[in-house]
Amino acid sequence: MAEQSCLATNDWICGEYLRSRSQELADATLQHVGITVVSVLIGLAVAFPLALLARRGRGFAGPVLGLTTVLYTVPSLAMFSLLLPLFGLSAALVVTGLVLYSLTILVRNILAGLEAVPQEAKEAARGMGYGPARLLWEVELPLALPAVMAGLRIATVSTVALTTVGSLVGKGGLGNLIEDALPSFFKAQVLTASVLCVLLAVAADLLLLGLQRLLTPWTRISRTSGPARPATPTDAGPPAPGTAQAGPSAPVKVSPKAEVG
């Protein structure tokens, strides 16, 4: 009797599914990546001015941080329902929801990075004639990059996962495959789409980590260079004959004893 196909037996791991549905998997992956990239870039563009506004004082920080936190707590189904009259069943609906969800992470990390810039660096730049805009772009923002990139990595991985929720309106990338497979419990499709989501998140995180290391080379130098090793008596060579060490200071000459005849 011929062996049954893994599709017919509904196996979790099925090479035949990968071969027969490769184009469908590629299209869903590309849609997933596109929605994620657009959402994160727009979120970063919106979060940066909001972080600058929050930095102006507590009167601005409270409302900005509070609003972004409240938006993050709204369930995705409720968020899409509120946005539906504005955007309809389109990719813009999913992108807008993902942008709003990313703001709480991006705004807080950008603000934390800017506030962590040493005051001495800012004072030195002002003493050299830097204006507010030049100070921000050439001093504060480069020094804040580690915190900004950390927030960007978290927001990107989170967005990769949340994009699957867009399957509610048919714009969820790999989430569409998962939703289509659930009624019949198509194991190979559920597993493949889920694994691809995880791989996308890991790849995006590693890519941003490499970009962070490229943009912030001084962080690698500070980690690899340890404190200077204190000098030891061996480093300076043995003491000269007829001398004795008197503590850490210079050697003291010792005169020879007089011979008694």
Protein backbone atom coordinates (compact mmCIF):
# COMPACT_ATOMS: atom_id res chain seq x y z
CA MET A 1 0.00 0.00 0.00
CA ALA A 2 1.36 3.38 -0.96
CA GLU A 3 2.24 5.74 1.85
CA GLN A 4 -0.30 8.43 2.56
CA SER A 5 0.68 12.04 1.96
CA CYS A 6 1.55 14.12 5.03
CA LEU A 7 -1.17 16.53 3.89
CA ALA A 8 -3.73 13.75 4.02
CA THR A 9 -2.59 12.63 7.47
CA ASN A 10 -2.46 16.26 8.67
CA ASP A 11 1.06 16.05 10.10
CA TRP A 12 2.65 18.98 11.92
CA ILE A 13 5.81 18.82 9.80
CA CYS A 14 5.07 18.41 6.12
CA GLY A 15 7.54 19.05 3.33
CA GLU A 16 4.82 18.64 0.72
CA TYR A 17 2.99 21.62 2.21
CA LEU A 18 6.11 23.79 1.88
CA ARG A 19 6.52 22.76 -1.77
CA SER A 20 2.90 23.17 -2.79
CA ARG A 21 2.23 26.42 -0.89
CA SER A 22 5.59 28.15 -1.29
CA GLN A 23 4.15 31.10 -3.25
CA GLU A 24 1.37 31.60 -0.69
CA LEU A 25 3.92 31.56 2.13
CA ALA A 26 6.16 34.05 0.31
CA ASP A 27 3.27 36.47 -0.33
CA ALA A 28 2.13 36.31 3.29
CA THR A 29 5.67 36.84 4.56
CA LEU A 30 6.22 39.85 2.31
CA GLN A 31 2.94 41.39 3.45
CA HIS A 32 3.91 40.78 7.08
CA VAL A 33 7.32 42.40 6.62
CA GLY A 34 5.86 45.36 4.74
CA ILE A 35 3.23 46.13 7.37
CA THR A 36 5.80 45.79 10.16
CA VAL A 37 8.41 48.05 8.54
CA VAL A 38 5.92 50.78 7.64
CA SER A 39 4.34 50.70 11.11
CA VAL A 40 7.66 50.94 12.95
CA LEU A 41 9.00 53.74 10.75
CA ILE A 42 5.83 55.81 11.13
CA GLY A 43 5.79 55.08 14.86
CA LEU A 44 9.38 56.31 15.18
CA ALA A 45 8.57 59.47 13.22
CA VAL A 46 5.60 60.19 15.51
CA ALA A 47 7.35 59.21 18.75
CA PHE A 48 10.37 61.49 18.27
CA PRO A 49 8.50 64.84 18.40
CA LEU A 50 6.32 63.50 21.22
CA ALA A 51 9.45 62.66 23.24
CA LEU A 52 10.83 66.16 22.59
CA LEU A 53 7.53 67.62 23.76
CA ALA A 54 7.55 65.47 26.91
CA ARG A 55 11.10 66.63 27.66
CA ARG A 56 10.01 70.25 27.94
CA GLY A 57 8.63 69.71 31.44
CA ARG A 58 6.33 67.72 33.69
CA GLY A 59 3.33 69.60 32.35
CA PHE A 60 3.92 67.95 28.97
CA ALA A 61 5.49 64.65 30.10
CA GLY A 62 2.47 63.54 32.12
CA PRO A 63 -0.16 63.87 29.36
CA VAL A 64 2.11 62.48 26.62
CA LEU A 65 3.26 59.42 28.57
CA GLY A 66 -0.22 58.88 30.01
CA LEU A 67 -1.88 59.00 26.58
CA THR A 68 0.57 56.56 24.98
CA THR A 69 0.17 54.17 27.92
CA VAL A 70 -3.63 54.27 27.66
CA LEU A 71 -3.45 53.55 23.93
CA TYR A 72 -1.27 50.51 24.61
CA THR A 73 -3.87 49.07 27.00
CA VAL A 74 -6.70 49.17 24.45
CA PRO A 75 -7.43 45.62 23.17
CA SER A 76 -6.61 45.13 19.52
CA LEU A 77 -10.17 44.16 18.59
CA ALA A 78 -11.51 47.35 20.18
CA MET A 79 -8.74 49.43 18.56
CA PHE A 80 -9.53 48.15 15.08
CA SER A 81 -13.25 48.66 15.67
CA LEU A 82 -12.65 52.31 16.61
CA LEU A 83 -10.47 52.89 13.56
CA LEU A 84 -12.72 51.02 11.13
CA PRO A 85 -14.98 54.02 10.26
CA LEU A 86 -11.88 56.07 9.37
CA PHE A 87 -9.89 53.57 7.29
CA GLY A 88 -12.26 50.77 6.34
CA LEU A 89 -11.02 47.22 5.76
CA SER A 90 -7.58 48.25 4.52
CA ALA A 91 -3.92 47.86 5.42
CA ALA A 92 -3.98 51.46 6.70
CA LEU A 93 -6.29 50.30 9.49
CA VAL A 94 -3.73 47.73 10.68
CA VAL A 95 -0.78 50.10 10.26
CA THR A 96 -2.46 52.86 12.26
CA GLY A 97 -3.27 50.48 15.11
CA LEU A 98 0.30 49.16 15.19
CA VAL A 99 1.71 52.70 15.17
CA LEU A 100 -0.42 53.62 18.19
CA TYR A 101 0.73 50.50 20.04
CA SER A 102 4.41 51.22 19.35
CA LEU A 103 4.30 54.76 20.76
CA THR A 104 4.44 53.83 24.45
CA ILE A 105 7.72 51.93 23.94
CA LEU A 106 9.38 54.36 21.54
CA VAL A 107 8.44 57.59 23.33
CA ARG A 108 9.67 56.33 26.71
CA ASN A 109 12.98 55.04 25.35
CA ILE A 110 13.72 58.16 23.31
CA LEU A 111 12.92 60.32 26.32
CA ALA A 112 15.08 58.18 28.62
CA GLY A 113 17.99 58.33 26.18
CA LEU A 114 17.83 62.12 25.83
CA GLU A 115 17.59 62.64 29.58
CA ALA A 116 20.61 60.39 30.17
CA VAL A 117 22.94 62.63 28.14
CA PRO A 118 25.56 64.01 30.57
CA GLN A 119 25.06 67.65 31.48
CA GLU A 120 28.82 68.25 31.03
CA ALA A 121 28.59 67.25 27.36
CA LYS A 122 25.72 69.66 26.76
CA GLU A 123 27.47 72.50 28.57
CA ALA A 124 30.65 71.92 26.58
CA ALA A 125 28.70 72.01 23.31
CA ARG A 126 26.95 75.24 24.30
CA GLY A 127 30.32 76.73 25.17
CA MET A 128 31.48 75.92 21.63
CA GLY A 129 28.53 77.86 20.21
CA TYR A 130 26.10 75.03 19.49
CA GLY A 131 22.48 76.16 19.18
CA PRO A 132 19.51 74.04 20.35
CA ALA A 133 18.98 72.26 17.01
CA ARG A 134 22.67 71.51 16.45
CA LEU A 135 23.02 70.40 20.07
CA LEU A 136 20.15 67.96 19.63
CA TRP A 137 21.28 66.41 16.35
CA GLU A 138 25.05 66.38 16.85
CA VAL A 139 25.41 65.78 20.61
CA GLU A 140 22.26 64.60 22.38
CA LEU A 141 20.82 62.25 19.76
CA PRO A 142 24.10 60.36 19.09
CA LEU A 143 24.62 59.86 22.83
CA ALA A 144 20.99 58.73 23.22
CA LEU A 145 21.24 56.17 20.40
CA PRO A 146 21.78 53.08 22.62
CA ALA A 147 18.51 53.71 24.47
CA VAL A 148 16.68 54.67 21.26
CA MET A 149 17.86 51.52 19.47
CA ALA A 150 16.89 49.36 22.45
CA GLY A 151 13.36 50.76 22.28
CA LEU A 152 13.28 50.32 18.51
CA ARG A 153 14.24 46.64 18.85
CA ILE A 154 11.49 46.00 21.41
CA ALA A 155 8.91 47.87 19.34
CA THR A 156 9.87 45.97 16.17
CA VAL A 157 9.64 42.53 17.77
CA SER A 158 6.32 43.50 19.36
CA THR A 159 5.00 44.76 16.02
CA VAL A 160 5.97 41.53 14.25
CA ALA A 161 3.79 39.64 16.73
CA LEU A 162 0.90 42.12 16.69
CA THR A 163 0.74 42.20 12.89
CA THR A 164 -0.90 38.77 12.98
CA VAL A 165 -3.94 40.39 14.63
CA GLY A 166 -4.54 42.18 11.33
CA SER A 167 -6.00 38.89 10.09
CA LEU A 168 -9.26 40.15 11.62
CA VAL A 169 -9.57 42.41 8.57
CA GLY A 170 -7.66 40.16 6.16
CA LYS A 171 -4.42 42.17 6.37
CA GLY A 172 -2.41 40.15 8.87
CA GLY A 173 0.35 38.67 6.73
CA LEU A 174 1.23 35.31 8.23
CA GLY A 175 -1.66 35.75 10.63
CA ASN A 176 -4.03 35.21 7.70
CA LEU A 177 -2.61 31.72 7.21
CA ILE A 178 -2.99 30.92 10.90
CA GLU A 179 -6.60 32.10 10.95
CA ASP A 180 -7.46 30.18 7.77
CA ALA A 181 -5.97 27.00 9.20
CA LEU A 182 -7.68 27.09 12.59
CA PRO A 183 -11.24 26.01 11.58
CA SER A 184 -9.92 22.76 10.06
CA PHE A 185 -6.89 22.67 12.37
CA PHE A 186 -4.47 22.42 9.45
CA LYS A 187 -1.40 21.58 11.53
CA ALA A 188 1.32 22.13 8.92
CA GLN A 189 0.01 25.59 8.05
CA VAL A 190 -0.37 26.67 11.69
CA LEU A 191 3.14 25.50 12.58
CA THR A 192 4.82 26.90 9.46
CA ALA A 193 3.23 30.35 9.78
CA SER A 194 4.02 30.48 13.51
CA VAL A 195 7.65 29.50 12.98
CA LEU A 196 8.02 32.10 10.23
CA CYS A 197 6.69 34.78 12.61
CA VAL A 198 9.28 33.82 15.20
CA LEU A 199 12.06 33.78 12.60
CA LEU A 200 11.01 37.24 11.37
CA ALA A 201 11.15 38.62 14.91
CA VAL A 202 14.58 37.09 15.58
CA ALA A 203 15.96 38.28 12.23
CA ALA A 204 14.65 41.82 12.80
CA ASP A 205 16.15 41.94 16.29
CA LEU A 206 19.55 40.73 15.08
CA LEU A 207 19.50 43.19 12.18
CA LEU A 208 18.76 46.12 14.50
CA LEU A 209 21.38 44.90 16.97
CA GLY A 210 23.98 44.93 14.20
CA LEU A 211 22.85 48.42 13.17
CA GLN A 212 23.14 49.58 16.77
CA ARG A 213 26.69 48.27 17.05
CA LEU A 214 27.56 49.98 13.77
CA LEU A 215 26.13 53.34 14.86
CA THR A 216 27.55 53.27 18.40
CA PRO A 217 31.15 52.00 18.16
CA TRP A 218 32.13 53.82 21.36
CA THR A 219 29.97 51.44 23.42
CA ARG A 220 32.10 48.49 22.28
CA ILE A 221 35.31 50.34 23.15
CA SER A 222 34.11 51.17 26.65
CA ARG A 223 33.14 47.54 27.26
CA THR A 224 36.35 46.00 25.95
CA SER A 225 38.84 48.40 27.56
CA GLY A 226 39.15 47.59 31.24
CA PRO A 227 40.79 49.70 33.98
CA ALA A 228 44.53 50.28 33.75
CA ARG A 229 46.60 47.67 35.61
CA PRO A 230 48.51 49.17 38.53
CA ALA A 231 52.27 48.99 38.34
CA THR A 232 53.99 46.32 40.43
CA PRO A 233 57.58 46.17 41.67
CA THR A 234 58.29 43.58 38.98
CA ASP A 235 57.20 46.02 36.26
CA ALA A 236 59.81 48.57 37.37
CA GLY A 237 62.56 45.98 37.67
CA PRO A 238 64.40 44.81 40.81
CA PRO A 239 65.60 47.44 43.29
CA ALA A 240 69.17 48.62 42.92
CA PRO A 241 71.79 47.07 45.23
CA GLY A 242 72.12 48.89 48.50
CA THR A 243 68.62 50.35 48.40
CA ALA A 244 65.46 49.50 50.32
CA GLN A 245 61.87 50.21 49.47
CA ALA A 246 60.26 52.70 51.86
CA GLY A 247 56.59 52.33 51.03
CA PRO A 248 55.25 53.30 47.63
CA SER A 249 57.55 56.35 47.28
CA ALA A 250 61.04 56.50 45.79
CA PRO A 251 63.70 54.12 47.19
CA VAL A 252 65.84 55.38 50.06
CA LYS A 253 69.60 54.94 49.91
CA VAL A 254 71.08 52.86 52.74
CA SER A 255 74.71 53.59 53.63
CA PRO A 256 76.99 50.59 54.36
CA LYS A 257 78.00 49.90 57.95
CA ALA A 258 81.44 51.12 59.01
CA GLU A 259 83.95 48.35 59.57
CA VAL A 260 85.22 47.97 63.10
CA GLY A 261 88.89 47.19 63.13
